[in-house]
Amino acid sequence: MGQPKLSLPWGHTTVLGQVLVVLKEAAVDEIVVVTGAEPVLVEAICAGHDVRIIHNPEFEEGEMLSSIQAGLKAISEASGVALIVLGDQPGIQVQVVQAILETHRRSEAPIIVPSYGGHRGHPWLIARQFWDQILGMRSPETSREFLNRHADQIQYVDAGGPEVLQDIDTPEDYLKSKP
């Protein structure tokens, strides 16, 4: 990107700020934000939000997997599930997050993934019974490989739109998706 994408303007907030607003509106109980390259900047964006911030010192070598692992380790013992959310996906919709959470309440499916056009998206939910498997993974393994290994245990939620597939990785992605 050439600049910290989480701090880019998005409506009346930032890219990460919008993600946090959606999670709060969707009534997510516990929000753990995992920082990487810009911890001070991320902490500033999170100020005023009811979140816990942890730093992933392995963010460069471990990519997204190490951030997921850091987040899982930080979640309270009382939590039975985790919602894996991308900080650079400000287009996620409250109703999609609520549909994922409601699907889990109704079905207790251990893995719930939103989909659009036959493609898996984010955020996705994982039950505690699988956390040790993810914690035991090592780079270059990815969360995609984990989901592929457990494809028969995934319950899909129709996202209704492409937002679950869209994150911001390039300036073009940002300009194309910016409200």
C-alpha atoms as a PDB file:
ATOM      1  CA  MET A   1       0.000   0.000   0.000  1.00  0.00           C
ATOM      2  CA  GLY A   2       2.857   2.389   0.702  1.00  0.00           C
ATOM      3  CA  GLN A   3       1.032   3.687   3.797  1.00  0.00           C
ATOM      4  CA  PRO A   4      -0.764   2.182   6.808  1.00  0.00           C
ATOM      5  CA  LYS A   5      -4.016   0.969   5.286  1.00  0.00           C
ATOM      6  CA  LEU A   6      -5.847   0.585   8.586  1.00  0.00           C
ATOM      7  CA  SER A   7      -5.662   4.348   9.146  1.00  0.00           C
ATOM      8  CA  LEU A   8      -6.984   5.351   5.720  1.00  0.00           C
ATOM      9  CA  PRO A   9     -10.168   7.457   5.884  1.00  0.00           C
ATOM     10  CA  TRP A  10     -13.445   5.555   5.678  1.00  0.00           C
ATOM     11  CA  GLY A  11     -16.610   7.577   6.068  1.00  0.00           C
ATOM     12  CA  HIS A  12     -16.381   9.385   9.395  1.00  0.00           C
ATOM     13  CA  THR A  13     -13.651   7.081  10.705  1.00  0.00           C
ATOM     14  CA  THR A  14     -10.820   4.898   9.373  1.00  0.00           C
ATOM     15  CA  VAL A  15     -10.679   1.486   7.699  1.00  0.00           C
ATOM     16  CA  LEU A  16     -10.064  -0.246  11.050  1.00  0.00           C
ATOM     17  CA  GLY A  17     -12.434   2.095  12.860  1.00  0.00           C
ATOM     18  CA  GLN A  18     -15.249   1.027  10.512  1.00  0.00           C
ATOM     19  CA  VAL A  19     -14.550  -2.651  11.192  1.00  0.00           C
ATOM     20  CA  LEU A  20     -14.757  -1.968  14.939  1.00  0.00           C
ATOM     21  CA  VAL A  21     -18.031  -0.045  14.524  1.00  0.00           C
ATOM     22  CA  VAL A  22     -19.553  -2.996  12.625  1.00  0.00           C
ATOM     23  CA  LEU A  23     -18.455  -5.491  15.281  1.00  0.00           C
ATOM     24  CA  LYS A  24     -19.890  -3.336  18.063  1.00  0.00           C
ATOM     25  CA  GLU A  25     -23.197  -2.845  16.202  1.00  0.00           C
ATOM     26  CA  ALA A  26     -23.362  -6.614  15.643  1.00  0.00           C
ATOM     27  CA  ALA A  27     -23.033  -7.111  19.432  1.00  0.00           C
ATOM     28  CA  VAL A  28     -19.749  -9.028  19.368  1.00  0.00           C
ATOM     29  CA  ASP A  29     -18.993  -9.643  23.055  1.00  0.00           C
ATOM     30  CA  GLU A  30     -15.214  -9.501  23.185  1.00  0.00           C
ATOM     31  CA  ILE A  31     -13.034  -7.766  20.609  1.00  0.00           C
ATOM     32  CA  VAL A  32      -9.306  -8.460  20.560  1.00  0.00           C
ATOM     33  CA  VAL A  33      -7.297  -6.394  18.087  1.00  0.00           C
ATOM     34  CA  VAL A  34      -3.958  -7.887  17.047  1.00  0.00           C
ATOM     35  CA  THR A  35      -1.349  -5.347  15.998  1.00  0.00           C
ATOM     36  CA  GLY A  36       1.583  -5.874  13.693  1.00  0.00           C
ATOM     37  CA  ALA A  37       3.662  -3.284  11.879  1.00  0.00           C
ATOM     38  CA  GLU A  38       2.005  -0.137  13.273  1.00  0.00           C
ATOM     39  CA  PRO A  39       1.067  -0.887  16.913  1.00  0.00           C
ATOM     40  CA  VAL A  40       0.997   2.745  18.089  1.00  0.00           C
ATOM     41  CA  LEU A  41      -1.152   3.804  15.147  1.00  0.00           C
ATOM     42  CA  VAL A  42      -3.562   0.887  15.674  1.00  0.00           C
ATOM     43  CA  GLU A  43      -3.797   1.686  19.387  1.00  0.00           C
ATOM     44  CA  ALA A  44      -4.700   5.279  18.527  1.00  0.00           C
ATOM     45  CA  ILE A  45      -7.446   4.110  16.137  1.00  0.00           C
ATOM     46  CA  CYS A  46      -8.788   1.778  18.833  1.00  0.00           C
ATOM     47  CA  ALA A  47      -8.947   4.515  21.485  1.00  0.00           C
ATOM     48  CA  GLY A  48     -12.547   5.006  22.500  1.00  0.00           C
ATOM     49  CA  HIS A  49     -13.556   1.509  21.390  1.00  0.00           C
ATOM     50  CA  ASP A  50     -14.087  -1.204  23.971  1.00  0.00           C
ATOM     51  CA  VAL A  51     -11.345  -3.528  22.709  1.00  0.00           C
ATOM     52  CA  ARG A  52      -8.297  -5.298  24.055  1.00  0.00           C
ATOM     53  CA  ILE A  53      -5.122  -4.775  22.057  1.00  0.00           C
ATOM     54  CA  ILE A  54      -2.273  -7.250  21.821  1.00  0.00           C
ATOM     55  CA  HIS A  55       0.847  -7.142  19.705  1.00  0.00           C
ATOM     56  CA  ASN A  56       1.967  -9.984  17.449  1.00  0.00           C
ATOM     57  CA  PRO A  57       5.786  -9.831  17.447  1.00  0.00           C
ATOM     58  CA  GLU A  58       5.884 -12.494  14.704  1.00  0.00           C
ATOM     59  CA  PHE A  59       3.693 -10.557  12.258  1.00  0.00           C
ATOM     60  CA  GLU A  60       6.408 -10.343   9.573  1.00  0.00           C
ATOM     61  CA  GLU A  61       7.442 -13.994   9.549  1.00  0.00           C
ATOM     62  CA  GLY A  62       4.132 -15.596  10.417  1.00  0.00           C
ATOM     63  CA  GLU A  63       1.800 -13.569   8.209  1.00  0.00           C
ATOM     64  CA  MET A  64      -1.926 -13.803   8.996  1.00  0.00           C
ATOM     65  CA  LEU A  65      -1.618 -17.204  10.688  1.00  0.00           C
ATOM     66  CA  SER A  66       0.542 -15.825  13.495  1.00  0.00           C
ATOM     67  CA  SER A  67      -1.934 -12.986  14.073  1.00  0.00           C
ATOM     68  CA  ILE A  68      -4.819 -15.449  14.294  1.00  0.00           C
ATOM     69  CA  GLN A  69      -2.778 -17.498  16.758  1.00  0.00           C
ATOM     70  CA  ALA A  70      -1.955 -14.425  18.873  1.00  0.00           C
ATOM     71  CA  GLY A  71      -5.619 -13.467  18.931  1.00  0.00           C
ATOM     72  CA  LEU A  72      -6.788 -16.950  19.922  1.00  0.00           C
ATOM     73  CA  LYS A  73      -4.289 -17.022  22.800  1.00  0.00           C
ATOM     74  CA  ALA A  74      -5.637 -13.690  24.063  1.00  0.00           C
ATOM     75  CA  ILE A  75      -9.346 -14.546  24.065  1.00  0.00           C
ATOM     76  CA  SER A  76     -10.890 -15.135  27.469  1.00  0.00           C
ATOM     77  CA  GLU A  77     -11.262 -18.693  28.716  1.00  0.00           C
ATOM     78  CA  ALA A  78     -15.049 -18.223  28.857  1.00  0.00           C
ATOM     79  CA  SER A  79     -15.288 -17.811  25.084  1.00  0.00           C
ATOM     80  CA  GLY A  80     -16.357 -20.900  23.207  1.00  0.00           C
ATOM     81  CA  VAL A  81     -15.928 -19.437  19.723  1.00  0.00           C
ATOM     82  CA  ALA A  82     -13.805 -16.884  17.925  1.00  0.00           C
ATOM     83  CA  LEU A  83     -14.761 -14.700  15.004  1.00  0.00           C
ATOM     84  CA  ILE A  84     -11.759 -14.205  12.717  1.00  0.00           C
ATOM     85  CA  VAL A  85     -12.087 -10.704  11.274  1.00  0.00           C
ATOM     86  CA  LEU A  86      -9.799  -8.818   8.898  1.00  0.00           C
ATOM     87  CA  GLY A  87      -8.879  -5.289   9.990  1.00  0.00           C
ATOM     88  CA  ASP A  88      -8.699  -4.191   6.367  1.00  0.00           C
ATOM     89  CA  GLN A  89     -12.220  -5.244   5.419  1.00  0.00           C
ATOM     90  CA  PRO A  90     -14.313  -2.149   6.178  1.00  0.00           C
ATOM     91  CA  GLY A  91     -17.100  -3.205   3.833  1.00  0.00           C
ATOM     92  CA  ILE A  92     -18.291  -6.030   6.079  1.00  0.00           C
ATOM     93  CA  GLN A  93     -21.924  -5.697   6.989  1.00  0.00           C
ATOM     94  CA  VAL A  94     -23.508  -5.844  10.438  1.00  0.00           C
ATOM     95  CA  GLN A  95     -26.162  -8.251   9.176  1.00  0.00           C
ATOM     96  CA  VAL A  96     -23.527 -10.700   7.918  1.00  0.00           C
ATOM     97  CA  VAL A  97     -21.747 -10.746  11.285  1.00  0.00           C
ATOM     98  CA  GLN A  98     -25.105 -11.179  13.037  1.00  0.00           C
ATOM     99  CA  ALA A  99     -26.057 -14.000  10.639  1.00  0.00           C
ATOM    100  CA  ILE A 100     -22.819 -15.836  11.438  1.00  0.00           C
ATOM    101  CA  LEU A 101     -23.365 -15.456  15.190  1.00  0.00           C
ATOM    102  CA  GLU A 102     -27.029 -16.447  14.939  1.00  0.00           C
ATOM    103  CA  THR A 103     -26.185 -19.471  12.801  1.00  0.00           C
ATOM    104  CA  HIS A 104     -23.813 -20.631  15.509  1.00  0.00           C
ATOM    105  CA  ARG A 105     -26.414 -20.098  18.249  1.00  0.00           C
ATOM    106  CA  ARG A 106     -28.973 -22.139  16.304  1.00  0.00           C
ATOM    107  CA  SER A 107     -26.790 -24.906  14.910  1.00  0.00           C
ATOM    108  CA  GLU A 108     -23.654 -24.914  17.059  1.00  0.00           C
ATOM    109  CA  ALA A 109     -21.742 -25.621  13.859  1.00  0.00           C
ATOM    110  CA  PRO A 110     -18.019 -25.606  14.727  1.00  0.00           C
ATOM    111  CA  ILE A 111     -16.966 -23.564  11.690  1.00  0.00           C
ATOM    112  CA  ILE A 112     -19.151 -20.963  10.005  1.00  0.00           C
ATOM    113  CA  VAL A 113     -17.993 -19.110   6.922  1.00  0.00           C
ATOM    114  CA  PRO A 114     -19.789 -16.471   4.866  1.00  0.00           C
ATOM    115  CA  SER A 115     -19.802 -17.061   1.154  1.00  0.00           C
ATOM    116  CA  TYR A 116     -20.612 -15.183  -1.987  1.00  0.00           C
ATOM    117  CA  GLY A 117     -20.677 -16.628  -5.472  1.00  0.00           C
ATOM    118  CA  GLY A 118     -19.336 -19.958  -4.193  1.00  0.00           C
ATOM    119  CA  HIS A 119     -16.265 -18.324  -2.604  1.00  0.00           C
ATOM    120  CA  ARG A 120     -15.368 -18.288   1.084  1.00  0.00           C
ATOM    121  CA  GLY A 121     -15.077 -14.934   2.773  1.00  0.00           C
ATOM    122  CA  HIS A 122     -14.446 -13.215   6.094  1.00  0.00           C
ATOM    123  CA  PRO A 123     -15.192 -12.988   8.918  1.00  0.00           C
ATOM    124  CA  TRP A 124     -15.451 -16.637   9.856  1.00  0.00           C
ATOM    125  CA  LEU A 125     -16.243 -18.328  13.139  1.00  0.00           C
ATOM    126  CA  ILE A 126     -14.376 -21.193  14.719  1.00  0.00           C
ATOM    127  CA  ALA A 127     -15.295 -23.176  17.828  1.00  0.00           C
ATOM    128  CA  ARG A 128     -12.762 -23.634  20.623  1.00  0.00           C
ATOM    129  CA  GLN A 129     -12.477 -27.354  19.816  1.00  0.00           C
ATOM    130  CA  PHE A 130     -10.315 -26.378  16.789  1.00  0.00           C
ATOM    131  CA  TRP A 131      -8.161 -23.697  18.384  1.00  0.00           C
ATOM    132  CA  ASP A 132      -5.351 -26.100  19.333  1.00  0.00           C
ATOM    133  CA  GLN A 133      -5.095 -27.213  15.704  1.00  0.00           C
ATOM    134  CA  ILE A 134      -4.662 -23.626  14.545  1.00  0.00           C
ATOM    135  CA  LEU A 135      -2.246 -22.874  17.397  1.00  0.00           C
ATOM    136  CA  GLY A 136      -0.178 -25.880  16.305  1.00  0.00           C
ATOM    137  CA  MET A 137       0.128 -24.761  12.691  1.00  0.00           C
ATOM    138  CA  ARG A 138       3.386 -23.247  11.450  1.00  0.00           C
ATOM    139  CA  SER A 139       4.164 -20.952   8.554  1.00  0.00           C
ATOM    140  CA  PRO A 140       3.959 -21.445   5.592  1.00  0.00           C
ATOM    141  CA  GLU A 141       0.653 -23.134   6.554  1.00  0.00           C
ATOM    142  CA  THR A 142      -2.364 -20.861   6.221  1.00  0.00           C
ATOM    143  CA  SER A 143      -5.864 -20.551   7.599  1.00  0.00           C
ATOM    144  CA  ARG A 144      -7.096 -21.465   4.118  1.00  0.00           C
ATOM    145  CA  GLU A 145      -5.387 -24.852   4.494  1.00  0.00           C
ATOM    146  CA  PHE A 146      -7.084 -25.310   7.854  1.00  0.00           C
ATOM    147  CA  LEU A 147     -10.486 -24.560   6.304  1.00  0.00           C
ATOM    148  CA  ASN A 148      -9.759 -26.912   3.396  1.00  0.00           C
ATOM    149  CA  ARG A 149      -8.916 -29.726   5.844  1.00  0.00           C
ATOM    150  CA  HIS A 150     -12.249 -29.192   7.604  1.00  0.00           C
ATOM    151  CA  ALA A 151     -14.411 -28.432   4.564  1.00  0.00           C
ATOM    152  CA  ASP A 152     -16.936 -31.089   5.574  1.00  0.00           C
ATOM    153  CA  GLN A 153     -17.510 -29.349   8.925  1.00  0.00           C
ATOM    154  CA  ILE A 154     -18.107 -25.855   7.562  1.00  0.00           C
ATOM    155  CA  GLN A 155     -21.572 -24.383   7.588  1.00  0.00           C
ATOM    156  CA  TYR A 156     -21.873 -21.599   5.051  1.00  0.00           C
ATOM    157  CA  VAL A 157     -23.890 -18.413   5.433  1.00  0.00           C
ATOM    158  CA  ASP A 158     -24.955 -16.647   2.261  1.00  0.00           C
ATOM    159  CA  ALA A 159     -23.460 -13.159   2.572  1.00  0.00           C
ATOM    160  CA  GLY A 160     -25.767 -11.662  -0.028  1.00  0.00           C
ATOM    161  CA  GLY A 161     -22.992  -9.489  -1.440  1.00  0.00           C
ATOM    162  CA  PRO A 162     -19.302  -9.477  -2.382  1.00  0.00           C
ATOM    163  CA  GLU A 163     -18.135  -7.475   0.686  1.00  0.00           C
ATOM    164  CA  VAL A 164     -17.068 -10.687   2.472  1.00  0.00           C
ATOM    165  CA  LEU A 165     -14.533 -11.249  -0.304  1.00  0.00           C
ATOM    166  CA  GLN A 166     -13.135  -7.723  -0.426  1.00  0.00           C
ATOM    167  CA  ASP A 167     -10.249  -6.478   1.664  1.00  0.00           C
ATOM    168  CA  ILE A 168      -7.877  -3.631   0.969  1.00  0.00           C
ATOM    169  CA  ASP A 169      -4.443  -4.682  -0.267  1.00  0.00           C
ATOM    170  CA  THR A 170      -3.686  -2.076  -2.921  1.00  0.00           C
ATOM    171  CA  PRO A 171      -4.438   1.615  -3.504  1.00  0.00           C
ATOM    172  CA  GLU A 172      -6.773   0.462  -6.300  1.00  0.00           C
ATOM    173  CA  ASP A 173      -8.710  -1.775  -3.859  1.00  0.00           C
ATOM    174  CA  TYR A 174      -9.133   1.201  -1.536  1.00  0.00           C
ATOM    175  CA  LEU A 175     -10.276   3.623  -4.220  1.00  0.00           C
ATOM    176  CA  LYS A 176     -12.655   1.066  -5.724  1.00  0.00           C
ATOM    177  CA  SER A 177     -14.341   0.239  -2.414  1.00  0.00           C
ATOM    178  CA  LYS A 178     -14.214   3.577  -0.579  1.00  0.00           C
ATOM    179  CA  PRO A 179     -17.675   4.976   0.251  1.00  0.00           C
END
